[in-house]
Amino acid sequence: MTGSAAPARDLLGDRTTGQATFAVDVGGTWVRMRAGGPDEKDGPVERVPSPSRLRHPDRSVPELRAQLVDLLCDRAPADARAALSFGAAIDHLTGTVYGSAPLWGDEAVPYDVAAELRRRRPDVTWQLVNDVTAALLDFAAVHAGPEVRRVAYLTVSSGVALRTADLERRRIPVDGQGLQGEVGHLPVPLTDPGADVLAGLPCECGARDHVASIASGPGLVRVADRLGLSRPAEVADWLPAALAAKNQGAQRLLELCAAPVAHLLRTLWCLDPHLDLVGIGGGVTEGLAGHYAAEIRRRLAAATSYADRGRDDEWLDGRLLFCAPGQVDPLRGAQRVGDWLPGITR
């Protein structure tokens, strides 16, 4: 089973309805939008700054939510079919958002954004999914060959999250709250020698000692600061060159931040032996490119027990794909949502 060379699987379908289309990817930093006719899937993309806590820490959550709804309602064409990729923990069955650290910080009161959009613009057909779900749909359509039974996509960016699809049954299973794979908010295992120095690091959700406390983009900054490295706030700028120069502090930083992700992958394959293909993307993995991939593969190659004897290069080459910038696009994935909504099920 080869992720990089597998023939593309058509997951999009053709649901042309004569409606205008409106695809949106809502992130903590940018909102990207593409509007067009019923057959337009590659039109121009408009990118505007997100009304988010990341960009506007001084604004209240109600203000930020209202500004986002205003933006989407203002841009949506009349009578359009709108598909939104949303950077939040979202109930895929109703469109209720439970929380989004990049968008709204530690706000934990659920927000029925779908209901508000439908109230404001009842002429538009609104469909919402989590941005990782949208990325998974795009990844699977491009990289999952006909032999792949189950496929997953893991993003390591401003947050950490996973989504898995059963391609044989064409289903994305969710729990009773419409959720799946919010792995960034699981407790982090600090099993590396000396990793206890990272205990107590905060997560954007308001808790501490989560996977995202260490493995996410903001986590890189926190770990660099805890290790006493210089200019921790600018770690994304200097870390690739420092790794290329084999700087010991940079290498230690990478080891600690990659460890929770490697642990997640081991756990996934232990629990689901039919998980044939996993894609990893997001700002952290893309920014560190080959350094990050090499560290994850190094860890997965190591044997940990008789039940986990390590995974060699041939095994990993067929099942693990590190995605380059632009290779997976949640906006493109949002355009595939309509064909999959019946398959998002408890």
C-alpha atoms as a PDB file:
ATOM      1  CA  MET A   1       0.000   0.000   0.000  1.00  0.00           C
ATOM      2  CA  THR A   2       1.805   3.074  -1.257  1.00  0.00           C
ATOM      3  CA  GLY A   3       0.621   6.531  -0.243  1.00  0.00           C
ATOM      4  CA  SER A   4       2.776   8.604  -2.566  1.00  0.00           C
ATOM      5  CA  ALA A   5       2.223   6.635  -5.762  1.00  0.00           C
ATOM      6  CA  ALA A   6      -1.336   5.375  -5.339  1.00  0.00           C
ATOM      7  CA  PRO A   7      -3.867   6.308  -8.023  1.00  0.00           C
ATOM      8  CA  ALA A   8      -6.312   8.971  -6.941  1.00  0.00           C
ATOM      9  CA  ARG A   9      -9.705   7.886  -5.655  1.00  0.00           C
ATOM     10  CA  ASP A  10     -12.680   9.981  -6.764  1.00  0.00           C
ATOM     11  CA  LEU A  11     -14.402  11.083  -3.559  1.00  0.00           C
ATOM     12  CA  LEU A  12     -15.853  14.308  -4.907  1.00  0.00           C
ATOM     13  CA  GLY A  13     -18.728  13.089  -7.012  1.00  0.00           C
ATOM     14  CA  ASP A  14     -20.805  15.448  -9.120  1.00  0.00           C
ATOM     15  CA  ARG A  15     -23.560  17.179  -7.229  1.00  0.00           C
ATOM     16  CA  THR A  16     -24.135  20.026  -9.620  1.00  0.00           C
ATOM     17  CA  THR A  17     -27.364  21.725  -8.608  1.00  0.00           C
ATOM     18  CA  GLY A  18     -27.252  24.922 -10.637  1.00  0.00           C
ATOM     19  CA  GLN A  19     -26.460  26.833  -7.438  1.00  0.00           C
ATOM     20  CA  ALA A  20     -23.555  29.197  -7.021  1.00  0.00           C
ATOM     21  CA  THR A  21     -20.838  27.708  -4.834  1.00  0.00           C
ATOM     22  CA  PHE A  22     -19.087  29.255  -1.835  1.00  0.00           C
ATOM     23  CA  ALA A  23     -16.193  27.360  -0.245  1.00  0.00           C
ATOM     24  CA  VAL A  24     -14.556  28.734   2.909  1.00  0.00           C
ATOM     25  CA  ASP A  25     -11.626  27.717   5.093  1.00  0.00           C
ATOM     26  CA  VAL A  26     -11.825  29.447   8.488  1.00  0.00           C
ATOM     27  CA  GLY A  27      -8.537  29.398  10.402  1.00  0.00           C
ATOM     28  CA  GLY A  28      -7.141  31.257  13.364  1.00  0.00           C
ATOM     29  CA  THR A  29      -4.949  33.441  11.133  1.00  0.00           C
ATOM     30  CA  TRP A  30      -6.727  33.649   7.762  1.00  0.00           C
ATOM     31  CA  VAL A  31     -10.155  33.117   6.243  1.00  0.00           C
ATOM     32  CA  ARG A  32      -9.903  31.888   2.647  1.00  0.00           C
ATOM     33  CA  MET A  33     -12.948  32.022   0.378  1.00  0.00           C
ATOM     34  CA  ARG A  34     -13.744  30.901  -3.146  1.00  0.00           C
ATOM     35  CA  ALA A  35     -17.046  31.793  -4.814  1.00  0.00           C
ATOM     36  CA  GLY A  36     -18.116  30.687  -8.253  1.00  0.00           C
ATOM     37  CA  GLY A  37     -20.670  29.026 -10.485  1.00  0.00           C
ATOM     38  CA  PRO A  38     -21.962  25.495  -9.994  1.00  0.00           C
ATOM     39  CA  ASP A  39     -19.100  23.930 -11.941  1.00  0.00           C
ATOM     40  CA  GLU A  40     -16.301  26.156 -10.690  1.00  0.00           C
ATOM     41  CA  LYS A  41     -13.869  24.348  -8.387  1.00  0.00           C
ATOM     42  CA  ASP A  42     -10.638  26.242  -9.006  1.00  0.00           C
ATOM     43  CA  GLY A  43     -11.626  29.898  -9.121  1.00  0.00           C
ATOM     44  CA  PRO A  44      -9.706  32.768  -7.481  1.00  0.00           C
ATOM     45  CA  VAL A  45      -9.277  32.644  -3.693  1.00  0.00           C
ATOM     46  CA  GLU A  46      -9.845  35.687  -1.504  1.00  0.00           C
ATOM     47  CA  ARG A  47      -7.836  35.709   1.728  1.00  0.00           C
ATOM     48  CA  VAL A  48      -8.671  38.053   4.602  1.00  0.00           C
ATOM     49  CA  PRO A  49      -7.381  38.202   8.207  1.00  0.00           C
ATOM     50  CA  SER A  50      -9.422  36.115  10.624  1.00  0.00           C
ATOM     51  CA  PRO A  51     -11.484  37.858  13.280  1.00  0.00           C
ATOM     52  CA  SER A  52      -9.855  35.645  15.906  1.00  0.00           C
ATOM     53  CA  ARG A  53      -8.345  35.701  19.370  1.00  0.00           C
ATOM     54  CA  LEU A  54      -4.937  35.096  17.775  1.00  0.00           C
ATOM     55  CA  ARG A  55      -5.190  38.341  15.809  1.00  0.00           C
ATOM     56  CA  HIS A  56      -7.330  40.376  18.212  1.00  0.00           C
ATOM     57  CA  PRO A  57      -6.652  39.303  21.820  1.00  0.00           C
ATOM     58  CA  ASP A  58      -8.311  42.493  23.070  1.00  0.00           C
ATOM     59  CA  ARG A  59     -11.741  41.694  21.588  1.00  0.00           C
ATOM     60  CA  SER A  60     -14.451  39.731  23.354  1.00  0.00           C
ATOM     61  CA  VAL A  61     -15.595  36.340  22.106  1.00  0.00           C
ATOM     62  CA  PRO A  62     -19.104  37.633  21.220  1.00  0.00           C
ATOM     63  CA  GLU A  63     -17.485  40.390  19.137  1.00  0.00           C
ATOM     64  CA  LEU A  64     -15.226  37.938  17.319  1.00  0.00           C
ATOM     65  CA  ARG A  65     -18.102  35.564  16.597  1.00  0.00           C
ATOM     66  CA  ALA A  66     -20.312  38.346  15.304  1.00  0.00           C
ATOM     67  CA  GLN A  67     -17.538  39.631  13.039  1.00  0.00           C
ATOM     68  CA  LEU A  68     -17.000  36.164  11.584  1.00  0.00           C
ATOM     69  CA  VAL A  69     -20.689  35.667  10.857  1.00  0.00           C
ATOM     70  CA  ASP A  70     -20.852  39.151   9.313  1.00  0.00           C
ATOM     71  CA  LEU A  71     -17.899  38.313   7.053  1.00  0.00           C
ATOM     72  CA  LEU A  72     -19.361  35.029   5.822  1.00  0.00           C
ATOM     73  CA  CYS A  73     -22.836  36.407   5.284  1.00  0.00           C
ATOM     74  CA  ASP A  74     -21.509  39.432   3.420  1.00  0.00           C
ATOM     75  CA  ARG A  75     -19.391  37.325   1.045  1.00  0.00           C
ATOM     76  CA  ALA A  76     -21.774  34.441   0.301  1.00  0.00           C
ATOM     77  CA  PRO A  77     -23.455  34.754  -3.138  1.00  0.00           C
ATOM     78  CA  ALA A  78     -27.245  34.756  -3.263  1.00  0.00           C
ATOM     79  CA  ASP A  79     -28.850  31.295  -3.067  1.00  0.00           C
ATOM     80  CA  ALA A  80     -25.398  29.687  -2.885  1.00  0.00           C
ATOM     81  CA  ARG A  81     -24.389  26.227  -1.709  1.00  0.00           C
ATOM     82  CA  ALA A  82     -21.793  27.039   0.976  1.00  0.00           C
ATOM     83  CA  ALA A  83     -19.301  24.540   2.410  1.00  0.00           C
ATOM     84  CA  LEU A  84     -17.200  25.678   5.353  1.00  0.00           C
ATOM     85  CA  SER A  85     -13.985  24.156   6.662  1.00  0.00           C
ATOM     86  CA  PHE A  86     -13.887  25.399  10.251  1.00  0.00           C
ATOM     87  CA  GLY A  87     -10.836  25.459  12.540  1.00  0.00           C
ATOM     88  CA  ALA A  88     -12.698  24.303  15.628  1.00  0.00           C
ATOM     89  CA  ALA A  89     -13.992  21.314  17.541  1.00  0.00           C
ATOM     90  CA  ILE A  90     -17.369  21.040  15.827  1.00  0.00           C
ATOM     91  CA  ASP A  91     -20.409  18.797  16.035  1.00  0.00           C
ATOM     92  CA  HIS A  92     -20.448  17.457  12.487  1.00  0.00           C
ATOM     93  CA  LEU A  93     -24.093  16.447  12.852  1.00  0.00           C
ATOM     94  CA  THR A  94     -25.448  19.883  13.804  1.00  0.00           C
ATOM     95  CA  GLY A  95     -22.791  22.531  13.078  1.00  0.00           C
ATOM     96  CA  THR A  96     -22.429  23.538  16.737  1.00  0.00           C
ATOM     97  CA  VAL A  97     -18.905  24.652  17.632  1.00  0.00           C
ATOM     98  CA  TYR A  98     -17.692  23.428  21.021  1.00  0.00           C
ATOM     99  CA  GLY A  99     -14.490  25.428  21.081  1.00  0.00           C
ATOM    100  CA  SER A 100     -11.579  26.808  19.103  1.00  0.00           C
ATOM    101  CA  ALA A 101      -8.450  27.940  20.905  1.00  0.00           C
ATOM    102  CA  PRO A 102      -7.052  29.894  17.896  1.00  0.00           C
ATOM    103  CA  LEU A 103     -10.396  31.573  17.181  1.00  0.00           C
ATOM    104  CA  TRP A 104     -11.831  32.118  20.680  1.00  0.00           C
ATOM    105  CA  GLY A 105      -9.218  31.138  23.257  1.00  0.00           C
ATOM    106  CA  ASP A 106     -10.465  29.176  26.247  1.00  0.00           C
ATOM    107  CA  GLU A 107     -14.161  29.978  25.630  1.00  0.00           C
ATOM    108  CA  ALA A 108     -16.035  26.734  26.383  1.00  0.00           C
ATOM    109  CA  VAL A 109     -19.665  27.758  25.801  1.00  0.00           C
ATOM    110  CA  PRO A 110     -20.899  25.990  22.621  1.00  0.00           C
ATOM    111  CA  TYR A 111     -21.882  28.241  19.740  1.00  0.00           C
ATOM    112  CA  ASP A 112     -24.358  27.112  17.087  1.00  0.00           C
ATOM    113  CA  VAL A 113     -22.683  28.957  14.241  1.00  0.00           C
ATOM    114  CA  ALA A 114     -24.617  26.982  11.622  1.00  0.00           C
ATOM    115  CA  ALA A 115     -27.955  28.100  13.091  1.00  0.00           C
ATOM    116  CA  GLU A 116     -26.798  31.714  13.169  1.00  0.00           C
ATOM    117  CA  LEU A 117     -25.661  31.591   9.540  1.00  0.00           C
ATOM    118  CA  ARG A 118     -28.952  30.038   8.462  1.00  0.00           C
ATOM    119  CA  ARG A 119     -30.897  32.664  10.414  1.00  0.00           C
ATOM    120  CA  ARG A 120     -28.950  35.512   8.826  1.00  0.00           C
ATOM    121  CA  ARG A 121     -28.820  34.086   5.297  1.00  0.00           C
ATOM    122  CA  PRO A 122     -31.657  31.563   4.862  1.00  0.00           C
ATOM    123  CA  ASP A 123     -31.203  31.680   1.077  1.00  0.00           C
ATOM    124  CA  VAL A 124     -27.824  29.935   1.425  1.00  0.00           C
ATOM    125  CA  THR A 125     -27.402  26.194   2.027  1.00  0.00           C
ATOM    126  CA  TRP A 126     -24.749  26.051   4.790  1.00  0.00           C
ATOM    127  CA  GLN A 127     -22.629  22.925   5.361  1.00  0.00           C
ATOM    128  CA  LEU A 128     -19.950  22.932   8.070  1.00  0.00           C
ATOM    129  CA  VAL A 129     -17.148  20.523   8.913  1.00  0.00           C
ATOM    130  CA  ASN A 130     -13.973  20.739  10.950  1.00  0.00           C
ATOM    131  CA  ASP A 131     -10.938  21.871   8.927  1.00  0.00           C
ATOM    132  CA  VAL A 132      -9.163  18.584   9.605  1.00  0.00           C
ATOM    133  CA  THR A 133     -12.156  16.712   8.183  1.00  0.00           C
ATOM    134  CA  ALA A 134     -11.935  18.873   5.068  1.00  0.00           C
ATOM    135  CA  ALA A 135      -8.187  18.264   4.832  1.00  0.00           C
ATOM    136  CA  LEU A 136      -8.778  14.524   5.186  1.00  0.00           C
ATOM    137  CA  LEU A 137     -11.258  14.540   2.293  1.00  0.00           C
ATOM    138  CA  ASP A 138      -8.747  16.318   0.083  1.00  0.00           C
ATOM    139  CA  PHE A 139      -5.875  14.061   1.158  1.00  0.00           C
ATOM    140  CA  ALA A 140      -7.880  10.878   0.588  1.00  0.00           C
ATOM    141  CA  ALA A 141      -9.120  11.990  -2.822  1.00  0.00           C
ATOM    142  CA  VAL A 142      -5.581  12.599  -4.040  1.00  0.00           C
ATOM    143  CA  HIS A 143      -3.528   9.927  -2.278  1.00  0.00           C
ATOM    144  CA  ALA A 144      -5.711   6.972  -1.260  1.00  0.00           C
ATOM    145  CA  GLY A 145      -5.605   4.205  -3.835  1.00  0.00           C
ATOM    146  CA  PRO A 146      -8.322   1.563  -4.209  1.00  0.00           C
ATOM    147  CA  GLU A 147      -6.499  -0.811  -1.857  1.00  0.00           C
ATOM    148  CA  VAL A 148      -6.647   1.610   1.112  1.00  0.00           C
ATOM    149  CA  ARG A 149      -9.242   0.540   3.668  1.00  0.00           C
ATOM    150  CA  ARG A 150      -8.975   3.344   6.195  1.00  0.00           C
ATOM    151  CA  VAL A 151      -7.151   6.633   5.870  1.00  0.00           C
ATOM    152  CA  ALA A 152      -6.248   9.327   8.406  1.00  0.00           C
ATOM    153  CA  TYR A 153      -4.920  12.854   8.284  1.00  0.00           C
ATOM    154  CA  LEU A 154      -3.052  14.435  11.215  1.00  0.00           C
ATOM    155  CA  THR A 155      -2.409  18.161  11.349  1.00  0.00           C
ATOM    156  CA  VAL A 156       0.339  19.648  13.517  1.00  0.00           C
ATOM    157  CA  SER A 157      -0.080  23.391  13.313  1.00  0.00           C
ATOM    158  CA  SER A 158      -1.581  25.992  15.680  1.00  0.00           C
ATOM    159  CA  GLY A 159      -3.318  22.932  17.121  1.00  0.00           C
ATOM    160  CA  VAL A 160      -3.037  19.153  16.799  1.00  0.00           C
ATOM    161  CA  ALA A 161      -5.947  17.077  15.507  1.00  0.00           C
ATOM    162  CA  LEU A 162      -6.683  13.895  13.591  1.00  0.00           C
ATOM    163  CA  ARG A 163      -9.480  12.646  11.377  1.00  0.00           C
ATOM    164  CA  THR A 164     -10.054   9.109  10.078  1.00  0.00           C
ATOM    165  CA  ALA A 165     -12.335   7.858   7.287  1.00  0.00           C
ATOM    166  CA  ASP A 166     -13.489   4.327   6.480  1.00  0.00           C
ATOM    167  CA  LEU A 167     -13.209   4.244   2.694  1.00  0.00           C
ATOM    168  CA  GLU A 168     -14.754   0.801   2.307  1.00  0.00           C
ATOM    169  CA  ARG A 169     -17.988   1.985   3.954  1.00  0.00           C
ATOM    170  CA  ARG A 170     -17.574   5.662   2.921  1.00  0.00           C
ATOM    171  CA  ARG A 171     -18.022   6.821   6.500  1.00  0.00           C
ATOM    172  CA  ILE A 172     -16.402   9.284   8.855  1.00  0.00           C
ATOM    173  CA  PRO A 173     -17.507   8.031  12.292  1.00  0.00           C
ATOM    174  CA  VAL A 174     -18.203  10.522  15.073  1.00  0.00           C
ATOM    175  CA  ASP A 175     -19.307  10.169  18.680  1.00  0.00           C
ATOM    176  CA  GLY A 176     -22.550  11.322  20.281  1.00  0.00           C
ATOM    177  CA  GLN A 177     -21.307  14.920  20.235  1.00  0.00           C
ATOM    178  CA  GLY A 178     -20.395  14.742  16.560  1.00  0.00           C
ATOM    179  CA  LEU A 179     -16.669  14.711  17.365  1.00  0.00           C
ATOM    180  CA  GLN A 180     -13.708  12.594  16.338  1.00  0.00           C
ATOM    181  CA  GLY A 181      -9.943  12.791  16.748  1.00  0.00           C
ATOM    182  CA  GLU A 182      -9.397  15.875  18.942  1.00  0.00           C
ATOM    183  CA  VAL A 183      -6.099  14.297  19.971  1.00  0.00           C
ATOM    184  CA  GLY A 184      -4.352  17.588  20.693  1.00  0.00           C
ATOM    185  CA  HIS A 185      -6.330  17.823  23.916  1.00  0.00           C
ATOM    186  CA  LEU A 186      -5.360  14.422  25.267  1.00  0.00           C
ATOM    187  CA  PRO A 187      -2.882  14.288  28.169  1.00  0.00           C
ATOM    188  CA  VAL A 188       0.672  14.217  26.877  1.00  0.00           C
ATOM    189  CA  PRO A 189       2.938  11.274  27.779  1.00  0.00           C
ATOM    190  CA  LEU A 190       6.283  12.645  29.008  1.00  0.00           C
ATOM    191  CA  THR A 191       8.247   9.425  28.582  1.00  0.00           C
ATOM    192  CA  ASP A 192      11.536  10.681  27.100  1.00  0.00           C
ATOM    193  CA  PRO A 193      14.448  10.935  29.537  1.00  0.00           C
ATOM    194  CA  GLY A 194      14.432  14.464  30.898  1.00  0.00           C
ATOM    195  CA  ALA A 195      11.019  15.279  29.409  1.00  0.00           C
ATOM    196  CA  ASP A 196       9.615  15.988  32.869  1.00  0.00           C
ATOM    197  CA  VAL A 197      11.118  19.469  32.483  1.00  0.00           C
ATOM    198  CA  LEU A 198       8.086  20.186  30.265  1.00  0.00           C
ATOM    199  CA  ALA A 199       5.493  19.385  32.932  1.00  0.00           C
ATOM    200  CA  GLY A 200       2.857  22.065  33.399  1.00  0.00           C
ATOM    201  CA  LEU A 201       3.057  23.711  29.982  1.00  0.00           C
ATOM    202  CA  PRO A 202      -0.293  25.309  29.056  1.00  0.00           C
ATOM    203  CA  CYS A 203      -2.529  24.539  26.093  1.00  0.00           C
ATOM    204  CA  GLU A 204      -4.525  27.193  24.225  1.00  0.00           C
ATOM    205  CA  CYS A 205      -7.718  25.545  25.472  1.00  0.00           C
ATOM    206  CA  GLY A 206      -6.853  26.641  29.026  1.00  0.00           C
ATOM    207  CA  ALA A 207      -5.681  23.256  30.366  1.00  0.00           C
ATOM    208  CA  ARG A 208      -2.126  22.035  30.906  1.00  0.00           C
ATOM    209  CA  ASP A 209      -0.039  19.059  29.830  1.00  0.00           C
ATOM    210  CA  HIS A 210      -1.921  18.367  26.603  1.00  0.00           C
ATOM    211  CA  VAL A 211      -0.365  17.009  23.409  1.00  0.00           C
ATOM    212  CA  ALA A 212      -0.824  20.472  21.865  1.00  0.00           C
ATOM    213  CA  SER A 213       0.967  22.046  24.840  1.00  0.00           C
ATOM    214  CA  ILE A 214       4.175  20.616  23.393  1.00  0.00           C
ATOM    215  CA  ALA A 215       3.666  19.396  19.821  1.00  0.00           C
ATOM    216  CA  SER A 216       1.823  22.350  18.246  1.00  0.00           C
ATOM    217  CA  GLY A 217       3.295  25.533  16.774  1.00  0.00           C
ATOM    218  CA  PRO A 218       2.694  27.495  19.991  1.00  0.00           C
ATOM    219  CA  GLY A 219       4.013  24.424  21.798  1.00  0.00           C
ATOM    220  CA  LEU A 220       7.360  24.787  19.999  1.00  0.00           C
ATOM    221  CA  VAL A 221       7.628  28.297  21.426  1.00  0.00           C
ATOM    222  CA  ARG A 222       6.782  27.121  24.943  1.00  0.00           C
ATOM    223  CA  VAL A 223       9.255  24.231  24.835  1.00  0.00           C
ATOM    224  CA  ALA A 224      12.020  26.456  23.441  1.00  0.00           C
ATOM    225  CA  ASP A 225      11.401  28.889  26.279  1.00  0.00           C
ATOM    226  CA  ARG A 226      11.354  26.104  28.906  1.00  0.00           C
ATOM    227  CA  LEU A 227      14.665  24.768  27.544  1.00  0.00           C
ATOM    228  CA  GLY A 228      16.214  28.237  27.806  1.00  0.00           C
ATOM    229  CA  LEU A 229      16.876  28.571  24.081  1.00  0.00           C
ATOM    230  CA  SER A 230      17.417  32.036  22.645  1.00  0.00           C
ATOM    231  CA  ARG A 231      14.588  33.948  20.948  1.00  0.00           C
ATOM    232  CA  PRO A 232      11.886  31.337  21.666  1.00  0.00           C
ATOM    233  CA  ALA A 233       9.149  33.528  20.181  1.00  0.00           C
ATOM    234  CA  GLU A 234      10.996  33.407  16.836  1.00  0.00           C
ATOM    235  CA  VAL A 235      11.654  29.665  16.900  1.00  0.00           C
ATOM    236  CA  ALA A 236       9.906  29.058  13.553  1.00  0.00           C
ATOM    237  CA  ASP A 237      12.404  31.413  11.893  1.00  0.00           C
ATOM    238  CA  TRP A 238      15.674  30.016  13.262  1.00  0.00           C
ATOM    239  CA  LEU A 239      14.905  26.348  13.957  1.00  0.00           C
ATOM    240  CA  PRO A 240      15.255  24.910  10.389  1.00  0.00           C
ATOM    241  CA  ALA A 241      18.727  26.413   9.942  1.00  0.00           C
ATOM    242  CA  ALA A 242      19.765  25.371  13.439  1.00  0.00           C
ATOM    243  CA  LEU A 243      18.699  21.798  12.730  1.00  0.00           C
ATOM    244  CA  ALA A 244      20.602  21.814   9.451  1.00  0.00           C
ATOM    245  CA  ALA A 245      23.672  22.964  11.397  1.00  0.00           C
ATOM    246  CA  LYS A 246      23.119  20.080  13.888  1.00  0.00           C
ATOM    247  CA  ASN A 247      22.723  22.448  16.828  1.00  0.00           C
ATOM    248  CA  GLN A 248      22.220  20.319  19.952  1.00  0.00           C
ATOM    249  CA  GLY A 249      19.621  22.594  21.533  1.00  0.00           C
ATOM    250  CA  ALA A 250      17.587  22.668  18.320  1.00  0.00           C
ATOM    251  CA  GLN A 251      17.787  18.893  18.005  1.00  0.00           C
ATOM    252  CA  ARG A 252      16.625  18.437  21.600  1.00  0.00           C
ATOM    253  CA  LEU A 253      13.710  20.790  20.932  1.00  0.00           C
ATOM    254  CA  LEU A 254      12.669  18.777  17.877  1.00  0.00           C
ATOM    255  CA  GLU A 255      12.966  15.470  19.753  1.00  0.00           C
ATOM    256  CA  LEU A 256      10.721  16.627  22.596  1.00  0.00           C
ATOM    257  CA  CYS A 257       8.092  18.194  20.330  1.00  0.00           C
ATOM    258  CA  ALA A 258       7.951  15.239  17.920  1.00  0.00           C
ATOM    259  CA  ALA A 259       7.706  12.599  20.639  1.00  0.00           C
ATOM    260  CA  PRO A 260       3.943  12.999  21.328  1.00  0.00           C
ATOM    261  CA  VAL A 261       3.181  12.749  17.598  1.00  0.00           C
ATOM    262  CA  ALA A 262       5.194   9.546  17.202  1.00  0.00           C
ATOM    263  CA  HIS A 263       3.384   8.153  20.251  1.00  0.00           C
ATOM    264  CA  LEU A 264       0.029   8.970  18.643  1.00  0.00           C
ATOM    265  CA  LEU A 265       1.000   7.149  15.461  1.00  0.00           C
ATOM    266  CA  ARG A 266       2.123   4.048  17.361  1.00  0.00           C
ATOM    267  CA  THR A 267      -1.190   4.042  19.218  1.00  0.00           C
ATOM    268  CA  LEU A 268      -3.219   4.474  16.014  1.00  0.00           C
ATOM    269  CA  TRP A 269      -1.622   1.508  14.282  1.00  0.00           C
ATOM    270  CA  CYS A 270      -1.890  -0.602  17.432  1.00  0.00           C
ATOM    271  CA  LEU A 271      -5.628   0.048  17.717  1.00  0.00           C
ATOM    272  CA  ASP A 272      -6.471  -0.045  14.010  1.00  0.00           C
ATOM    273  CA  PRO A 273      -4.410  -2.468  11.891  1.00  0.00           C
ATOM    274  CA  HIS A 274      -6.580  -1.580   8.864  1.00  0.00           C
ATOM    275  CA  LEU A 275      -5.374   2.019   8.939  1.00  0.00           C
ATOM    276  CA  ASP A 276      -3.476   1.770   5.667  1.00  0.00           C
ATOM    277  CA  LEU A 277      -2.491   5.378   5.051  1.00  0.00           C
ATOM    278  CA  VAL A 278      -1.754   8.373   7.301  1.00  0.00           C
ATOM    279  CA  GLY A 279      -0.976  11.872   6.056  1.00  0.00           C
ATOM    280  CA  ILE A 280       0.744  14.430   8.259  1.00  0.00           C
ATOM    281  CA  GLY A 281       0.571  18.122   7.446  1.00  0.00           C
ATOM    282  CA  GLY A 282       0.223  21.543   9.018  1.00  0.00           C
ATOM    283  CA  GLY A 283       2.575  24.429   9.633  1.00  0.00           C
ATOM    284  CA  VAL A 284       4.957  22.635  11.994  1.00  0.00           C
ATOM    285  CA  THR A 285       5.595  19.622   9.774  1.00  0.00           C
ATOM    286  CA  GLU A 286       5.749  21.737   6.611  1.00  0.00           C
ATOM    287  CA  GLY A 287       8.066  24.332   8.148  1.00  0.00           C
ATOM    288  CA  LEU A 288      10.525  21.734   9.476  1.00  0.00           C
ATOM    289  CA  ALA A 289      10.100  19.500   6.419  1.00  0.00           C
ATOM    290  CA  GLY A 290      12.680  16.733   6.210  1.00  0.00           C
ATOM    291  CA  HIS A 291      13.964  17.275   9.757  1.00  0.00           C
ATOM    292  CA  TYR A 292      10.548  16.578  11.233  1.00  0.00           C
ATOM    293  CA  ALA A 293       9.877  13.582   9.004  1.00  0.00           C
ATOM    294  CA  ALA A 294      13.263  12.067   9.825  1.00  0.00           C
ATOM    295  CA  GLU A 295      12.680  12.412  13.574  1.00  0.00           C
ATOM    296  CA  ILE A 296       9.227  10.837  13.434  1.00  0.00           C
ATOM    297  CA  ARG A 297      10.501   7.963  11.304  1.00  0.00           C
ATOM    298  CA  ARG A 298      13.492   7.459  13.613  1.00  0.00           C
ATOM    299  CA  ARG A 299      11.179   7.077  16.575  1.00  0.00           C
ATOM    300  CA  LEU A 300       8.793   4.741  14.777  1.00  0.00           C
ATOM    301  CA  ALA A 301      11.696   2.536  13.682  1.00  0.00           C
ATOM    302  CA  ALA A 302      12.695   1.878  17.289  1.00  0.00           C
ATOM    303  CA  ALA A 303      11.308  -1.265  18.915  1.00  0.00           C
ATOM    304  CA  THR A 304       9.483  -0.676  22.195  1.00  0.00           C
ATOM    305  CA  SER A 305       8.245  -4.190  23.038  1.00  0.00           C
ATOM    306  CA  TYR A 306       7.575  -7.620  21.579  1.00  0.00           C
ATOM    307  CA  ALA A 307       4.260  -6.193  20.324  1.00  0.00           C
ATOM    308  CA  ASP A 308       5.924  -3.170  18.740  1.00  0.00           C
ATOM    309  CA  ARG A 309       9.123  -4.293  17.042  1.00  0.00           C
ATOM    310  CA  GLY A 310       9.589  -1.064  15.105  1.00  0.00           C
ATOM    311  CA  ARG A 311       8.669  -0.201  11.540  1.00  0.00           C
ATOM    312  CA  ASP A 312      11.203  -0.306   8.741  1.00  0.00           C
ATOM    313  CA  ASP A 313      11.507   2.118   5.831  1.00  0.00           C
ATOM    314  CA  GLU A 314       9.559  -0.063   3.410  1.00  0.00           C
ATOM    315  CA  TRP A 315       6.614  -0.357   5.805  1.00  0.00           C
ATOM    316  CA  LEU A 316       6.586   3.376   6.539  1.00  0.00           C
ATOM    317  CA  ASP A 317       6.997   4.352   2.881  1.00  0.00           C
ATOM    318  CA  GLY A 318       3.703   2.631   2.099  1.00  0.00           C
ATOM    319  CA  ARG A 319       1.701   3.991   5.022  1.00  0.00           C
ATOM    320  CA  LEU A 320       3.005   7.391   6.097  1.00  0.00           C
ATOM    321  CA  LEU A 321       3.092  10.512   3.924  1.00  0.00           C
ATOM    322  CA  PHE A 322       4.448  13.877   5.054  1.00  0.00           C
ATOM    323  CA  CYS A 323       2.629  16.509   3.028  1.00  0.00           C
ATOM    324  CA  ALA A 324       4.411  19.455   1.439  1.00  0.00           C
ATOM    325  CA  PRO A 325       2.886  22.958   1.511  1.00  0.00           C
ATOM    326  CA  GLY A 326      -0.187  23.109  -0.732  1.00  0.00           C
ATOM    327  CA  GLN A 327      -0.364  19.353  -1.157  1.00  0.00           C
ATOM    328  CA  VAL A 328      -3.421  19.175   1.107  1.00  0.00           C
ATOM    329  CA  ASP A 329      -5.923  22.042   1.094  1.00  0.00           C
ATOM    330  CA  PRO A 330      -8.916  22.297   3.497  1.00  0.00           C
ATOM    331  CA  LEU A 331     -10.524  24.802   1.125  1.00  0.00           C
ATOM    332  CA  ARG A 332     -10.399  22.221  -1.662  1.00  0.00           C
ATOM    333  CA  GLY A 333     -11.620  19.641   0.836  1.00  0.00           C
ATOM    334  CA  ALA A 334     -14.583  21.843   1.731  1.00  0.00           C
ATOM    335  CA  GLN A 335     -15.710  21.530  -1.874  1.00  0.00           C
ATOM    336  CA  ARG A 336     -15.866  17.746  -1.369  1.00  0.00           C
ATOM    337  CA  VAL A 337     -18.055  17.980   1.734  1.00  0.00           C
ATOM    338  CA  GLY A 338     -21.452  17.621   0.071  1.00  0.00           C
ATOM    339  CA  ASP A 339     -20.733  14.133  -1.200  1.00  0.00           C
ATOM    340  CA  TRP A 340     -19.606  12.966   2.232  1.00  0.00           C
ATOM    341  CA  LEU A 341     -22.165  14.505   4.599  1.00  0.00           C
ATOM    342  CA  PRO A 342     -24.411  11.398   4.522  1.00  0.00           C
ATOM    343  CA  GLY A 343     -21.353   9.400   5.588  1.00  0.00           C
ATOM    344  CA  ILE A 344     -20.625  11.448   8.698  1.00  0.00           C
ATOM    345  CA  THR A 345     -22.427   9.300  11.203  1.00  0.00           C
ATOM    346  CA  ARG A 346     -22.442   8.034  14.760  1.00  0.00           C
END
